[in-house]
C-alpha atoms as a PDB file:
ATOM      1  CA  MET A   1     291.403 368.991  36.433  1.00  0.00           C
ATOM      2  CA  PRO A   2     291.350 368.495  32.726  1.00  0.00           C
ATOM      3  CA  TRP A   3     294.147 366.796  30.795  1.00  0.00           C
ATOM      4  CA  SER A   4     295.494 368.585  28.105  1.00  0.00           C
ATOM      5  CA  GLY A   5     298.039 366.353  26.480  1.00  0.00           C
ATOM      6  CA  LEU A   6     298.937 362.754  25.608  1.00  0.00           C
ATOM      7  CA  ILE A   7     302.118 361.234  24.642  1.00  0.00           C
ATOM      8  CA  VAL A   8     302.478 357.626  23.687  1.00  0.00           C
ATOM      9  CA  ALA A   9     306.320 356.475  23.658  1.00  0.00           C
ATOM     10  CA  ASP A  10     307.201 353.387  21.948  1.00  0.00           C
ATOM     11  CA  ASN A  11     310.249 350.978  22.567  1.00  0.00           C
ATOM     12  CA  VAL A  12     310.695 352.207  25.846  1.00  0.00           C
ATOM     13  CA  PRO A  13     311.659 348.720  27.898  1.00  0.00           C
ATOM     14  CA  TYR A  14     309.584 347.922  30.955  1.00  0.00           C
ATOM     15  CA  ARG A  15     312.677 346.845  32.816  1.00  0.00           C
ATOM     16  CA  GLY A  16     316.417 347.249  31.886  1.00  0.00           C
ATOM     17  CA  ALA A  17     317.991 349.772  29.991  1.00  0.00           C
ATOM     18  CA  GLY A  18     316.936 351.090  26.678  1.00  0.00           C
ATOM     19  CA  MET A  19     318.211 353.006  23.758  1.00  0.00           C
ATOM     20  CA  PRO A  20     320.408 355.820  24.383  1.00  0.00           C
ATOM     21  CA  GLY A  21     318.315 358.845  25.731  1.00  0.00           C
ATOM     22  CA  ILE A  22     315.352 356.749  26.662  1.00  0.00           C
ATOM     23  CA  ASP A  23     316.549 356.923  30.448  1.00  0.00           C
ATOM     24  CA  ALA A  24     316.527 360.676  30.405  1.00  0.00           C
ATOM     25  CA  TYR A  25     313.250 360.913  28.717  1.00  0.00           C
ATOM     26  CA  VAL A  26     311.389 358.384  31.160  1.00  0.00           C
ATOM     27  CA  GLN A  27     312.807 360.445  34.308  1.00  0.00           C
ATOM     28  CA  LYS A  28     311.922 363.673  32.973  1.00  0.00           C
ATOM     29  CA  ALA A  29     308.199 362.627  31.721  1.00  0.00           C
ATOM     30  CA  ARG A  30     307.845 360.847  35.233  1.00  0.00           C
ATOM     31  CA  SER A  31     309.060 363.581  37.329  1.00  0.00           C
ATOM     32  CA  HIS A  32     307.197 366.565  35.413  1.00  0.00           C
ATOM     33  CA  PRO A  33     304.872 368.216  38.259  1.00  0.00           C
ATOM     34  CA  ASN A  34     301.750 368.436  35.647  1.00  0.00           C
ATOM     35  CA  ALA A  35     302.169 364.940  34.290  1.00  0.00           C
ATOM     36  CA  GLN A  36     301.389 361.434  35.067  1.00  0.00           C
ATOM     37  CA  SER A  37     303.441 358.866  33.435  1.00  0.00           C
ATOM     38  CA  GLN A  38     303.123 355.217  33.377  1.00  0.00           C
ATOM     39  CA  PRO A  39     305.368 352.244  31.748  1.00  0.00           C
ATOM     40  CA  VAL A  40     302.914 349.587  29.702  1.00  0.00           C
ATOM     41  CA  PRO A  41     304.404 345.981  29.301  1.00  0.00           C
ATOM     42  CA  LEU A  42     303.056 345.728  25.795  1.00  0.00           C
ATOM     43  CA  GLY A  43     305.376 344.726  22.894  1.00  0.00           C
ATOM     44  CA  SER A  44     308.938 346.152  23.403  1.00  0.00           C
ATOM     45  CA  GLY A  45     307.586 348.525  26.159  1.00  0.00           C
ATOM     46  CA  ILE A  46     305.576 351.582  26.002  1.00  0.00           C
ATOM     47  CA  GLU A  47     305.180 354.545  28.098  1.00  0.00           C
ATOM     48  CA  VAL A  48     302.143 356.653  28.241  1.00  0.00           C
ATOM     49  CA  THR A  49     302.115 360.222  29.624  1.00  0.00           C
ATOM     50  CA  LEU A  50     299.114 362.290  30.428  1.00  0.00           C
ATOM     51  CA  ARG A  51     299.838 366.044  30.942  1.00  0.00           C
ATOM     52  CA  ARG A  52     297.269 368.194  33.129  1.00  0.00           C
ATOM     53  CA  ALA A  53     296.045 371.826  31.919  1.00  0.00           C
END
């Protein structure tokens, strides 16, 4: 199945609480049925999300 979208979110803590709204964003990104999302422990934290077509 081809990929149709990429989102890279900055300042998403790898562990612990982040800014207001970050936890809701991460939960939604990781639970979307047509997406795969992964935290990356780089800098202050990055969340990379790929969406399938």
